[in-house]
Amino acid sequence: MVLSFSTQFEGQPGQVAYAASKGALVSMTLPMARDLEPHGIRVVTISPSAFTTPMVTIMKPKVREGISRNLLFPRRMGEPREFGQTVKWILECPYVNGETIRLSGGSRFPGKL
């Protein structure tokens, strides 16, 4: 399993290299799944959006407010348990392979927070 934050889809100004590195993870998901198929290994990338983590507590209030304005239903950041539920589902569902799952609640970040 590969973890790639939503930056590859919605990079902010000044994040060119960071967004490109995350985009590379998404781009290699399917070819890696194809390469590892003979060994019975599946590859799935999870691309989470805003989640309540310790990193969020150190963000400036203006940044947190900017993120919150762009959240859809549910109008809140994701919870770590929801990330865990996604991992559990991937492990339990042998048919999912070579995919990138956007774990974002349907939210998309604007071009600038």
Protein backbone atom coordinates (compact mmCIF):
# COMPACT_ATOMS: atom_id res chain seq x y z
CA MET A 1 0.00 0.00 0.00
CA VAL A 2 1.23 3.46 -0.91
CA LEU A 3 0.24 6.64 0.94
CA SER A 4 0.10 9.82 -1.10
CA PHE A 5 -1.49 13.03 0.14
CA SER A 6 -3.96 14.90 -2.08
CA THR A 7 -1.24 17.37 -3.06
CA GLN A 8 -0.70 15.51 -6.35
CA PHE A 9 -4.20 16.60 -7.35
CA GLU A 10 -4.41 20.01 -5.65
CA GLY A 11 -0.91 21.35 -5.08
CA GLN A 12 -0.56 24.78 -3.53
CA PRO A 13 1.74 27.58 -4.75
CA GLY A 14 5.35 26.70 -3.95
CA GLN A 15 4.64 22.95 -3.88
CA VAL A 16 5.78 21.97 -7.39
CA ALA A 17 8.38 19.41 -6.30
CA TYR A 18 6.20 18.07 -3.48
CA ALA A 19 3.16 17.70 -5.77
CA ALA A 20 5.29 16.03 -8.44
CA SER A 21 6.67 13.48 -5.97
CA LYS A 22 3.14 12.64 -4.80
CA GLY A 23 1.94 12.44 -8.40
CA ALA A 24 4.73 9.97 -9.11
CA LEU A 25 3.34 7.65 -6.43
CA VAL A 26 -0.07 7.69 -8.09
CA SER A 27 1.47 7.17 -11.54
CA MET A 28 3.41 4.12 -10.42
CA THR A 29 0.47 2.41 -8.67
CA LEU A 30 -0.92 0.54 -11.69
CA PRO A 31 2.43 -0.43 -13.26
CA MET A 32 3.62 -1.66 -9.86
CA ALA A 33 0.44 -3.73 -9.46
CA ARG A 34 1.08 -5.23 -12.91
CA ASP A 35 4.71 -6.00 -12.07
CA LEU A 36 3.83 -7.61 -8.75
CA GLU A 37 0.80 -9.55 -9.99
CA PRO A 38 2.80 -12.75 -10.64
CA HIS A 39 3.68 -12.75 -6.94
CA GLY A 40 0.10 -12.25 -5.77
CA ILE A 41 0.86 -8.76 -4.46
CA ARG A 42 -1.72 -5.99 -4.81
CA VAL A 43 -0.87 -2.29 -4.85
CA VAL A 44 -3.31 0.39 -3.72
CA THR A 45 -2.58 4.06 -3.07
CA ILE A 46 -4.55 6.02 -0.49
CA SER A 47 -4.68 9.75 -1.09
CA PRO A 48 -6.09 11.38 2.04
CA SER A 49 -7.22 14.96 2.20
CA ALA A 50 -7.46 16.93 5.46
CA PHE A 51 -7.34 14.67 8.53
CA THR A 52 -7.21 15.51 12.21
CA THR A 53 -3.60 14.74 13.03
CA PRO A 54 -1.01 16.35 15.29
CA MET A 55 0.18 18.34 12.24
CA VAL A 56 -3.18 20.14 12.11
CA THR A 57 -2.73 21.46 15.64
CA ILE A 58 0.40 23.38 14.61
CA MET A 59 -1.21 24.99 11.54
CA LYS A 60 -1.97 28.67 11.64
CA PRO A 61 -5.67 29.37 12.30
CA LYS A 62 -5.96 31.07 8.89
CA VAL A 63 -4.78 27.88 7.17
CA ARG A 64 -7.17 25.68 9.20
CA GLU A 65 -10.05 28.04 8.36
CA GLY A 66 -9.12 27.92 4.67
CA ILE A 67 -9.19 24.14 4.72
CA SER A 68 -12.49 24.02 6.61
CA ARG A 69 -14.19 26.34 4.11
CA ASN A 70 -13.58 23.80 1.35
CA LEU A 71 -14.88 20.71 3.10
CA LEU A 72 -18.05 19.08 1.79
CA PHE A 73 -20.23 16.56 3.58
CA PRO A 74 -19.29 15.64 6.19
CA ARG A 75 -18.15 19.21 6.90
CA ARG A 76 -15.17 18.21 9.00
CA MET A 77 -11.71 16.78 8.63
CA GLY A 78 -11.29 13.04 8.41
CA GLU A 79 -10.65 11.02 11.54
CA PRO A 80 -7.74 8.56 11.89
CA ARG A 81 -10.24 5.73 12.46
CA GLU A 82 -11.71 6.42 9.01
CA PHE A 83 -8.29 6.02 7.47
CA GLY A 84 -7.96 2.74 9.35
CA GLN A 85 -11.37 1.61 8.07
CA THR A 86 -10.18 2.25 4.52
CA VAL A 87 -7.03 0.19 5.05
CA LYS A 88 -9.15 -2.59 6.55
CA TRP A 89 -11.48 -2.53 3.55
CA ILE A 90 -8.54 -2.73 1.15
CA LEU A 91 -7.17 -5.73 3.01
CA GLU A 92 -10.57 -7.45 3.10
CA CYS A 93 -11.47 -6.80 -0.55
CA PRO A 94 -9.10 -8.83 -2.74
CA TYR A 95 -10.55 -7.35 -5.94
CA VAL A 96 -9.20 -3.83 -5.35
CA ASN A 97 -5.80 -3.51 -7.03
CA GLY A 98 -3.89 -0.90 -9.00
CA GLU A 99 -6.13 1.92 -7.75
CA THR A 100 -5.76 5.26 -6.04
CA ILE A 101 -8.45 5.91 -3.44
CA ARG A 102 -9.09 9.55 -2.69
CA LEU A 103 -10.08 9.62 0.95
CA SER A 104 -11.36 13.17 1.01
CA GLY A 105 -15.07 13.34 1.79
CA GLY A 106 -15.45 14.82 -1.69
CA SER A 107 -13.47 17.90 -0.76
CA ARG A 108 -11.05 19.61 -3.10
CA PHE A 109 -8.53 22.26 -2.11
CA PRO A 110 -8.57 25.53 -4.04
CA GLY A 111 -5.51 26.84 -5.86
CA LYS A 112 -4.52 28.83 -2.80
CA LEU A 113 -5.56 28.45 0.84
